[in-house]
Amino acid sequence: MTSGIKCYPVDRIFEEAAFIAYYFHWPHDEIMAMEHRDRRRWCEEISRINRQLNDEPDNLFDVINKKR
């Protein structure tokens, strides 16, 4: 029986990096040097900002609590 370290998919890393770079214009090396947790957090924050700018609820199915 072998056990190995589960790696984060490379394609996801590049998706996250492209997402952050597109919105924040941060350099590639700086984004790639981030811990995975930090990259994910920035992606979540960018998404939250976009939802606010688009006046979308945090949960798209939560139309009852949507601010009008």
Foldseek 3Di string as FASTA:
>chain_A
DDDDDDDDDPVVLVVLLCQCCVVPVDDSVVSSPDDPVVSVVVSVVVVVVVCVVVQADPDNVPPVPRDD
